[in-house]
Amino acid sequence: MVEPRPTSSGTLQKSAVVPPCAWSDLARSRRKLCRKLAPLSLAALLAACGQQNTFVAPPPPKVMVAKPVKGPKVQYVEATGNTAALANVDLEARVQGFLEKISYEDGHPVKQGDLLFEIQRDTYEAQLAQAQANFESAQAAVVNADIQYQRQLTLGRQGNLANTQKQIDDAKTTLDQAKASVDSAKASVELATINLGYTRVTAPFNGIVTRHLIDIGALVGYSGPTKLATILQIKPIYVYFTVSEEVVLRVKQQIAESGQKVQDLYQLPVEIGLMTDAGYPRSGHLNYVAPQVNASTGTLDARAIFENSDGALLPGYFVRVRVPLSSTDGALWVDETAVGQNQLGEYLLVLDKDDVVEQRQVKIGQAENGLRVIDSGLAADDWVVTGGIQRAVPGQKVNPERRTMVTAAAGQ
């Protein structure tokens, strides 16, 4: 049955009406569907209720551990120092003249006696020739004065004694004056020879000469000595450093206890390292110790000498210095990378009997070849975490891989 209904425009529109029999068929279909789906929903619900959420803890993190190694420990005095040339001499022009020759290459090594600079020589050669001529003239005057003196002596034996004595005295005075003139002329020759020698500037020792400061043709020595260059002797070479008053007293006490003399201090080995060196690869020995302590700084100046056969050390280098004082056995060494630092100082991560990580504060000593001395806070049978340190959390259990300390350090 279709009934008309009004529209928005006022016209009537027919709409369908569902008969009562259709509603009953739809209801029966819905009941059948619910009866089919009910068992499935109940099964799903029962299955969901039967599941349990259980937490599985992750395995302990794996870390590398090793026991400390025992070995000798040398007690060092460490300081900082600077290298200095064994000899440092300015090469100067001591006579006036024009620079005529430069006979070396800047920065190259030279040997003792090598000619380095030559100054105009003709003026000084002429002065030497003049001085030699004056010397020969003075020698001739001595010969003549001696002849006159001998003649007066002969006449004195034959003539008036009073008159002759005065002439003898005058002749003797003339002879003495002639001899003095010879000495003066001889000194003039030596002085002229020295001045002529100053025109040739030679190397006073084996060393390296810096760049020349004056060019050929320049007038030098006109108002005093003129610096031409500098020569340095660096084989061997010095290293200067300072030590505290406490160290000085300790060293003297150890020398007295060992029965040695103060002179034996100069045979004390000294080791140094440059900024680019690993450790202290260069060895020398103590060469000088100041006889007094600087009252304002409380330090003592010291100096060591090194062969420097390869010429690697140059004057003015900054170096790390250490001096061995004493040696003890049985020190505990660990991989240096295992040492951490916090506000309390240095620490190590150590495992207890249950493989639980413990953070332990320690006191460290010197380092050598990637290992570090532990002076206190560590036992010989402790297992120290050397690898996987970022996974080792204090208070938590770990899975340790046990190795020897040297192998662990090499593995790092």
Protein backbone atom coordinates (compact mmCIF):
# COMPACT_ATOMS: atom_id res chain seq x y z
CA MET A 1 0.00 0.00 0.00
CA VAL A 2 1.36 3.34 -1.00
CA GLU A 3 0.35 6.55 0.70
CA PRO A 4 1.00 10.08 -0.67
CA ARG A 5 3.04 12.58 1.40
CA PRO A 6 3.63 16.30 0.90
CA THR A 7 6.95 17.58 -0.46
CA SER A 8 8.73 20.88 0.11
CA SER A 9 6.99 22.32 -2.89
CA GLY A 10 3.59 21.42 -1.54
CA THR A 11 2.98 18.51 -3.96
CA LEU A 12 2.17 15.02 -2.81
CA GLN A 13 4.69 12.18 -3.21
CA LYS A 14 3.91 8.51 -2.77
CA SER A 15 6.04 6.47 -0.31
CA ALA A 16 6.26 2.70 0.19
CA VAL A 17 4.84 1.13 3.32
CA VAL A 18 6.41 -2.13 4.59
CA PRO A 19 3.77 -4.79 5.15
CA PRO A 20 3.64 -6.55 8.57
CA CYS A 21 4.73 -9.88 7.14
CA ALA A 22 8.08 -8.40 6.02
CA TRP A 23 8.90 -7.26 9.54
CA SER A 24 8.43 -10.74 10.94
CA ASP A 25 10.76 -12.30 8.34
CA LEU A 26 13.50 -9.75 9.18
CA ALA A 27 13.27 -10.50 12.89
CA ARG A 28 13.62 -14.23 12.31
CA SER A 29 16.78 -13.70 10.19
CA ARG A 30 18.42 -11.62 12.95
CA ARG A 31 17.72 -14.26 15.60
CA LYS A 32 19.28 -16.98 13.44
CA LEU A 33 22.44 -14.86 12.90
CA CYS A 34 22.80 -14.18 16.62
CA ARG A 35 22.50 -17.90 17.40
CA LYS A 36 25.35 -18.64 14.94
CA LEU A 37 27.70 -15.86 16.19
CA ALA A 38 27.15 -16.40 19.92
CA PRO A 39 29.35 -19.54 20.22
CA LEU A 40 32.19 -17.87 18.31
CA SER A 41 32.14 -14.72 20.51
CA LEU A 42 32.06 -16.82 23.66
CA ALA A 43 35.05 -18.88 22.49
CA ALA A 44 37.05 -15.76 21.69
CA LEU A 45 36.21 -14.27 25.06
CA LEU A 46 37.22 -17.43 26.91
CA ALA A 47 40.47 -17.63 24.93
CA ALA A 48 41.35 -14.01 25.80
CA CYS A 49 40.67 -14.58 29.45
CA GLY A 50 42.99 -17.62 29.49
CA GLN A 51 46.17 -15.71 28.30
CA GLN A 52 48.76 -14.46 30.91
CA ASN A 53 51.31 -11.48 30.43
CA THR A 54 54.67 -12.75 31.90
CA PHE A 55 57.85 -10.39 31.92
CA VAL A 56 61.09 -12.07 30.79
CA ALA A 57 64.20 -10.20 32.11
CA PRO A 58 67.00 -9.52 29.57
CA PRO A 59 70.29 -11.43 30.02
CA PRO A 60 73.13 -9.72 31.98
CA PRO A 61 75.32 -7.53 29.74
CA LYS A 62 78.61 -9.00 28.62
CA VAL A 63 81.79 -7.25 29.80
CA MET A 64 85.50 -8.00 29.71
CA VAL A 65 87.29 -8.37 33.05
CA ALA A 66 90.88 -9.08 34.11
CA LYS A 67 92.92 -9.32 37.26
CA PRO A 68 95.66 -6.75 37.86
CA VAL A 69 99.19 -7.82 36.97
CA LYS A 70 102.06 -7.58 39.42
CA GLY A 71 105.30 -5.90 38.48
CA PRO A 72 108.02 -3.52 39.63
CA LYS A 73 107.14 0.11 40.17
CA VAL A 74 109.68 2.90 39.81
CA GLN A 75 109.07 6.05 41.79
CA TYR A 76 109.69 9.07 39.58
CA VAL A 77 110.02 12.79 40.06
CA GLU A 78 108.17 14.42 37.19
CA ALA A 79 108.73 17.96 35.97
CA THR A 80 108.61 20.12 32.87
CA GLY A 81 111.65 21.58 31.21
CA ASN A 82 113.12 23.24 28.15
CA THR A 83 115.96 22.29 25.87
CA ALA A 84 118.93 24.62 25.47
CA ALA A 85 122.02 24.57 23.27
CA LEU A 86 125.26 23.36 24.79
CA ALA A 87 126.85 26.52 23.38
CA ASN A 88 125.23 29.58 21.86
CA VAL A 89 127.62 32.15 20.36
CA ASP A 90 126.96 35.30 18.36
CA LEU A 91 129.29 35.65 15.37
CA GLU A 92 130.35 39.30 15.23
CA ALA A 93 132.48 41.53 13.03
CA ARG A 94 135.11 43.03 15.36
CA VAL A 95 136.89 45.16 12.75
CA GLN A 96 135.58 47.76 10.35
CA GLY A 97 135.25 46.95 6.68
CA PHE A 98 132.98 45.79 3.90
CA LEU A 99 131.63 42.23 4.03
CA GLU A 100 133.08 40.46 1.01
CA LYS A 101 132.18 36.79 1.37
CA ILE A 102 129.64 34.45 3.06
CA SER A 103 130.95 30.89 2.93
CA TYR A 104 128.15 28.79 4.43
CA GLU A 105 124.49 27.93 3.81
CA ASP A 106 121.95 29.24 6.28
CA GLY A 107 120.86 26.62 8.81
CA HIS A 108 123.40 24.01 7.73
CA PRO A 109 125.86 22.29 10.08
CA VAL A 110 129.48 23.43 10.07
CA LYS A 111 132.68 22.13 11.61
CA GLN A 112 135.09 23.89 13.91
CA GLY A 113 137.43 26.19 11.93
CA ASP A 114 135.23 26.47 8.83
CA LEU A 115 135.27 29.91 7.21
CA LEU A 116 131.87 31.60 7.57
CA PHE A 117 132.39 35.31 6.77
CA GLU A 118 135.22 37.32 5.27
CA ILE A 119 135.65 41.09 5.67
CA GLN A 120 137.73 43.42 3.50
CA ARG A 121 141.39 42.45 4.16
CA ASP A 122 143.59 44.83 2.13
CA THR A 123 143.59 47.61 4.74
CA TYR A 124 144.64 45.25 7.53
CA GLU A 125 147.24 43.53 5.36
CA ALA A 126 148.82 46.95 4.73
CA GLN A 127 148.76 47.74 8.46
CA LEU A 128 150.49 44.45 9.19
CA ALA A 129 153.16 45.17 6.58
CA GLN A 130 153.75 48.61 8.09
CA ALA A 131 154.04 47.14 11.59
CA GLN A 132 156.55 44.56 10.38
CA ALA A 133 158.62 47.30 8.74
CA ASN A 134 158.65 49.31 11.97
CA PHE A 135 159.72 46.18 13.83
CA GLU A 136 162.64 45.60 11.48
CA SER A 137 163.62 49.27 11.78
CA ALA A 138 163.58 49.01 15.55
CA GLN A 139 165.77 45.92 15.41
CA ALA A 140 168.29 47.79 13.24
CA ALA A 141 168.31 50.70 15.73
CA VAL A 142 169.13 48.24 18.52
CA VAL A 143 172.12 46.92 16.58
CA ASN A 144 173.43 50.45 16.00
CA ALA A 145 172.85 51.49 19.61
CA ASP A 146 174.72 48.42 20.83
CA ILE A 147 177.70 49.28 18.60
CA GLN A 148 177.82 52.81 19.99
CA TYR A 149 177.62 51.54 23.50
CA GLN A 150 180.49 49.11 22.97
CA ARG A 151 182.61 51.89 21.39
CA GLN A 152 182.08 54.15 24.41
CA LEU A 153 183.13 51.36 26.72
CA THR A 154 186.38 50.95 24.76
CA LEU A 155 187.12 54.67 24.76
CA GLY A 156 186.46 54.82 28.47
CA ARG A 157 189.37 52.56 29.15
CA GLN A 158 191.71 54.86 27.17
CA GLY A 159 190.62 58.47 27.76
CA ASN A 160 189.41 60.89 30.51
CA LEU A 161 187.37 58.74 32.84
CA ALA A 162 184.96 61.47 34.04
CA ASN A 163 184.06 62.69 30.54
CA THR A 164 183.87 59.19 29.13
CA GLN A 165 181.51 57.92 31.85
CA LYS A 166 178.79 60.36 30.78
CA GLN A 167 179.10 59.26 27.17
CA ILE A 168 178.92 55.63 28.25
CA ASP A 169 175.75 56.33 30.21
CA ASP A 170 174.17 58.12 27.25
CA ALA A 171 175.02 55.24 24.94
CA LYS A 172 173.55 52.75 27.39
CA THR A 173 170.30 54.78 27.57
CA THR A 174 170.07 54.92 23.77
CA LEU A 175 170.52 51.13 23.61
CA ASP A 176 167.78 50.54 26.17
CA GLN A 177 165.42 52.86 24.31
CA ALA A 178 166.10 51.00 21.06
CA LYS A 179 165.33 47.67 22.72
CA ALA A 180 162.04 49.09 24.06
CA SER A 181 161.17 50.29 20.56
CA VAL A 182 161.68 46.74 19.34
CA ASP A 183 159.21 45.43 21.92
CA SER A 184 156.68 48.10 20.93
CA ALA A 185 157.11 47.34 17.24
CA LYS A 186 156.71 43.64 17.97
CA ALA A 187 153.45 44.31 19.80
CA SER A 188 152.23 46.38 16.85
CA VAL A 189 152.94 43.44 14.55
CA GLU A 190 150.96 41.11 16.80
CA LEU A 191 148.06 43.57 17.00
CA ALA A 192 148.00 44.01 13.24
CA THR A 193 148.07 40.22 12.85
CA ILE A 194 145.10 39.88 15.20
CA ASN A 195 143.12 42.55 13.38
CA LEU A 196 143.85 40.86 10.08
CA GLY A 197 142.63 37.58 11.59
CA TYR A 198 139.36 39.24 12.62
CA THR A 199 138.57 39.77 8.93
CA ARG A 200 137.95 36.00 8.70
CA VAL A 201 135.08 34.81 10.94
CA THR A 202 135.33 31.04 11.49
CA ALA A 203 133.24 28.49 13.40
CA PRO A 204 134.46 28.21 17.02
CA PHE A 205 133.01 24.67 17.34
CA ASN A 206 130.91 22.11 15.49
CA GLY A 207 127.35 23.32 15.25
CA ILE A 208 124.60 24.86 13.16
CA VAL A 209 124.70 28.48 11.98
CA THR A 210 121.53 30.55 11.75
CA ARG A 211 120.66 32.72 8.76
CA HIS A 212 123.07 35.56 8.02
CA LEU A 213 121.93 38.99 9.22
CA ILE A 214 124.22 41.12 7.01
CA ASP A 215 124.49 40.90 3.22
CA ILE A 216 127.64 41.02 1.10
CA GLY A 217 128.80 44.59 0.46
CA ALA A 218 127.50 46.04 3.72
CA LEU A 219 129.83 48.03 5.97
CA VAL A 220 130.30 46.28 9.33
CA GLY A 221 132.12 47.13 12.54
CA TYR A 222 131.97 50.89 11.97
CA SER A 223 130.45 51.71 15.38
CA GLY A 224 131.33 48.61 17.34
CA PRO A 225 130.89 44.87 16.83
CA THR A 226 128.25 43.94 14.24
CA LYS A 227 126.29 40.69 14.73
CA LEU A 228 126.52 38.57 11.59
CA ALA A 229 124.80 35.33 12.70
CA THR A 230 124.60 32.86 15.61
CA ILE A 231 126.12 29.40 15.90
CA LEU A 232 124.53 26.72 18.13
CA GLN A 233 125.99 23.49 19.43
CA ILE A 234 123.17 20.96 19.87
CA LYS A 235 125.06 17.65 19.97
CA PRO A 236 124.90 17.09 22.91
CA ILE A 237 122.11 19.31 24.23
CA TYR A 238 120.98 20.53 27.67
CA VAL A 239 117.56 20.22 29.32
CA TYR A 240 116.85 22.65 32.18
CA PHE A 241 114.10 21.94 34.73
CA THR A 242 113.22 22.74 38.35
CA VAL A 243 112.32 20.48 41.27
CA SER A 244 110.71 21.36 44.57
CA GLU A 245 112.54 21.67 47.87
CA GLU A 246 110.70 18.60 49.16
CA VAL A 247 112.07 16.49 46.31
CA VAL A 248 115.59 17.75 46.96
CA LEU A 249 115.41 16.73 50.61
CA ARG A 250 113.97 13.34 49.70
CA VAL A 251 116.72 12.68 47.14
CA LYS A 252 119.45 13.61 49.59
CA GLN A 253 117.91 11.34 52.21
CA GLN A 254 117.83 8.41 49.80
CA ILE A 255 121.43 9.05 48.80
CA ALA A 256 122.50 9.07 52.44
CA GLU A 257 120.55 5.86 53.18
CA SER A 258 122.09 4.05 50.23
CA GLY A 259 125.63 5.02 51.25
CA GLN A 260 126.27 7.04 48.10
CA LYS A 261 127.97 10.39 47.79
CA VAL A 262 126.53 13.64 46.54
CA GLN A 263 128.78 13.35 43.47
CA ASP A 264 126.87 10.20 42.50
CA LEU A 265 123.85 12.42 41.95
CA TYR A 266 125.33 13.50 38.62
CA GLN A 267 125.06 9.94 37.30
CA LEU A 268 121.33 9.87 38.02
CA PRO A 269 119.45 8.96 34.80
CA VAL A 270 116.95 11.43 33.39
CA GLU A 271 114.23 10.62 30.84
CA ILE A 272 112.40 13.10 28.65
CA GLY A 273 109.59 13.08 26.11
CA LEU A 274 108.47 15.62 23.55
CA MET A 275 104.85 16.69 23.10
CA THR A 276 104.49 14.20 20.24
CA ASP A 277 106.27 11.33 22.01
CA ALA A 278 104.50 8.48 23.76
CA GLY A 279 106.13 8.12 27.16
CA TYR A 280 109.74 9.11 27.77
CA PRO A 281 111.82 7.62 24.95
CA ARG A 282 115.01 9.71 25.34
CA SER A 283 117.56 9.09 28.08
CA GLY A 284 120.36 11.20 29.50
CA HIS A 285 121.85 11.93 32.89
CA LEU A 286 121.91 14.72 35.43
CA ASN A 287 124.62 17.27 34.68
CA TYR A 288 124.17 20.11 37.14
CA VAL A 289 122.28 20.95 40.33
CA ALA A 290 122.16 24.50 41.67
CA PRO A 291 123.99 24.96 44.99
CA GLN A 292 121.07 26.84 46.55
CA VAL A 293 117.28 26.80 46.62
CA ASN A 294 115.39 29.76 45.21
CA ALA A 295 113.85 31.29 48.33
CA SER A 296 111.00 32.98 46.43
CA THR A 297 109.81 29.83 44.62
CA GLY A 298 111.12 27.05 46.85
CA THR A 299 112.59 25.25 43.85
CA LEU A 300 116.02 24.09 42.77
CA ASP A 301 117.39 24.47 39.25
CA ALA A 302 118.71 21.31 37.64
CA ARG A 303 120.17 20.42 34.25
CA ALA A 304 120.50 17.17 32.32
CA ILE A 305 122.57 16.42 29.22
CA PHE A 306 121.48 14.28 26.25
CA GLU A 307 123.58 13.01 23.35
CA ASN A 308 121.03 14.06 20.69
CA SER A 309 122.97 12.16 18.05
CA ASP A 310 120.05 12.35 15.60
CA GLY A 311 119.64 16.09 16.09
CA ALA A 312 115.92 15.68 16.83
CA LEU A 313 116.10 17.96 19.89
CA LEU A 314 116.34 21.65 19.09
CA PRO A 315 116.90 24.49 21.58
CA GLY A 316 113.69 25.88 23.05
CA TYR A 317 111.60 22.70 22.95
CA PHE A 318 109.13 22.07 25.78
CA VAL A 319 109.74 18.59 27.23
CA ARG A 320 108.32 16.33 29.91
CA VAL A 321 110.98 15.25 32.38
CA ARG A 322 111.07 12.41 34.86
CA VAL A 323 113.86 11.25 37.15
CA PRO A 324 113.72 7.75 38.70
CA LEU A 325 114.34 7.80 42.45
CA SER A 326 113.52 4.31 43.77
CA SER A 327 112.06 0.96 42.69
CA THR A 328 109.67 -1.43 44.46
CA ASP A 329 108.33 -4.88 43.47
CA GLY A 330 104.80 -6.25 43.62
CA ALA A 331 102.92 -3.20 42.38
CA LEU A 332 99.46 -3.73 40.84
CA TRP A 333 99.05 -2.60 37.23
CA VAL A 334 95.73 -2.28 35.36
CA ASP A 335 94.71 -1.19 31.90
CA GLU A 336 94.77 2.60 31.91
CA THR A 337 91.44 2.79 30.06
CA ALA A 338 89.76 1.00 32.99
CA VAL A 339 90.40 3.96 35.29
CA GLY A 340 87.49 6.37 35.57
CA GLN A 341 87.17 9.69 37.35
CA ASN A 342 84.43 11.32 39.40
CA GLN A 343 84.17 14.08 41.98
CA LEU A 344 85.91 11.90 44.58
CA GLY A 345 88.86 11.10 42.34
CA GLU A 346 89.76 8.00 40.34
CA TYR A 347 87.81 4.75 40.51
CA LEU A 348 87.65 1.24 39.02
CA LEU A 349 84.66 -0.99 38.29
CA VAL A 350 85.25 -4.29 40.13
CA LEU A 351 83.11 -7.47 40.27
CA ASP A 352 82.16 -9.15 43.54
CA LYS A 353 81.73 -12.91 44.01
CA ASP A 354 78.26 -12.77 42.43
CA ASP A 355 79.50 -10.86 39.35
CA VAL A 356 77.80 -7.68 40.53
CA VAL A 357 79.54 -4.45 39.54
CA GLU A 358 81.03 -2.35 42.32
CA GLN A 359 82.49 1.16 41.87
CA ARG A 360 85.63 1.40 43.98
CA GLN A 361 87.67 4.55 44.62
CA VAL A 362 91.41 4.01 44.15
CA LYS A 363 94.67 5.94 44.30
CA ILE A 364 96.68 5.78 41.09
CA GLY A 365 100.38 6.05 40.34
CA GLN A 366 102.38 6.52 37.14
CA ALA A 367 101.45 5.09 33.73
CA GLU A 368 103.67 2.95 31.55
CA ASN A 369 102.94 1.30 28.17
CA GLY A 370 99.17 1.58 28.48
CA LEU A 371 99.06 0.32 32.08
CA ARG A 372 98.54 2.32 35.27
CA VAL A 373 99.81 1.61 38.79
CA ILE A 374 97.12 1.36 41.48
CA ASP A 375 98.74 2.40 44.76
CA SER A 376 95.72 1.66 46.98
CA GLY A 377 92.10 0.49 46.84
CA LEU A 378 92.65 -2.69 44.81
CA ALA A 379 93.53 -6.28 45.70
CA ALA A 380 95.53 -8.69 43.58
CA ASP A 381 92.58 -11.11 43.11
CA ASP A 382 90.00 -8.47 42.15
CA TRP A 383 88.40 -8.71 38.72
CA VAL A 384 88.53 -5.30 37.05
CA VAL A 385 86.19 -4.35 34.21
CA THR A 386 88.41 -3.51 31.23
CA GLY A 387 85.97 -3.80 28.30
CA GLY A 388 82.32 -2.88 27.85
CA ILE A 389 82.60 -0.37 30.66
CA GLN A 390 79.57 1.54 29.38
CA ARG A 391 77.45 -1.57 29.99
CA ALA A 392 78.78 -2.14 33.53
CA VAL A 393 76.35 -0.34 35.85
CA PRO A 394 77.26 -0.34 39.56
CA GLY A 395 74.90 -2.58 41.52
CA GLN A 396 73.89 -4.70 38.53
CA LYS A 397 74.97 -8.20 37.57
CA VAL A 398 77.01 -8.75 34.41
CA ASN A 399 78.21 -11.66 32.29
CA PRO A 400 82.04 -11.45 32.55
CA GLU A 401 84.54 -12.64 29.95
CA ARG A 402 87.74 -13.24 31.91
CA ARG A 403 91.12 -12.45 30.39
CA THR A 404 94.60 -11.50 31.51
CA MET A 405 95.28 -7.80 32.00
CA VAL A 406 97.97 -7.56 29.29
CA THR A 407 95.70 -9.27 26.75
CA ALA A 408 92.81 -7.03 27.75
CA ALA A 409 94.94 -3.91 27.31
CA ALA A 410 96.04 -5.10 23.88
CA GLY A 411 92.43 -5.82 22.94
CA GLN A 412 91.38 -2.31 23.91
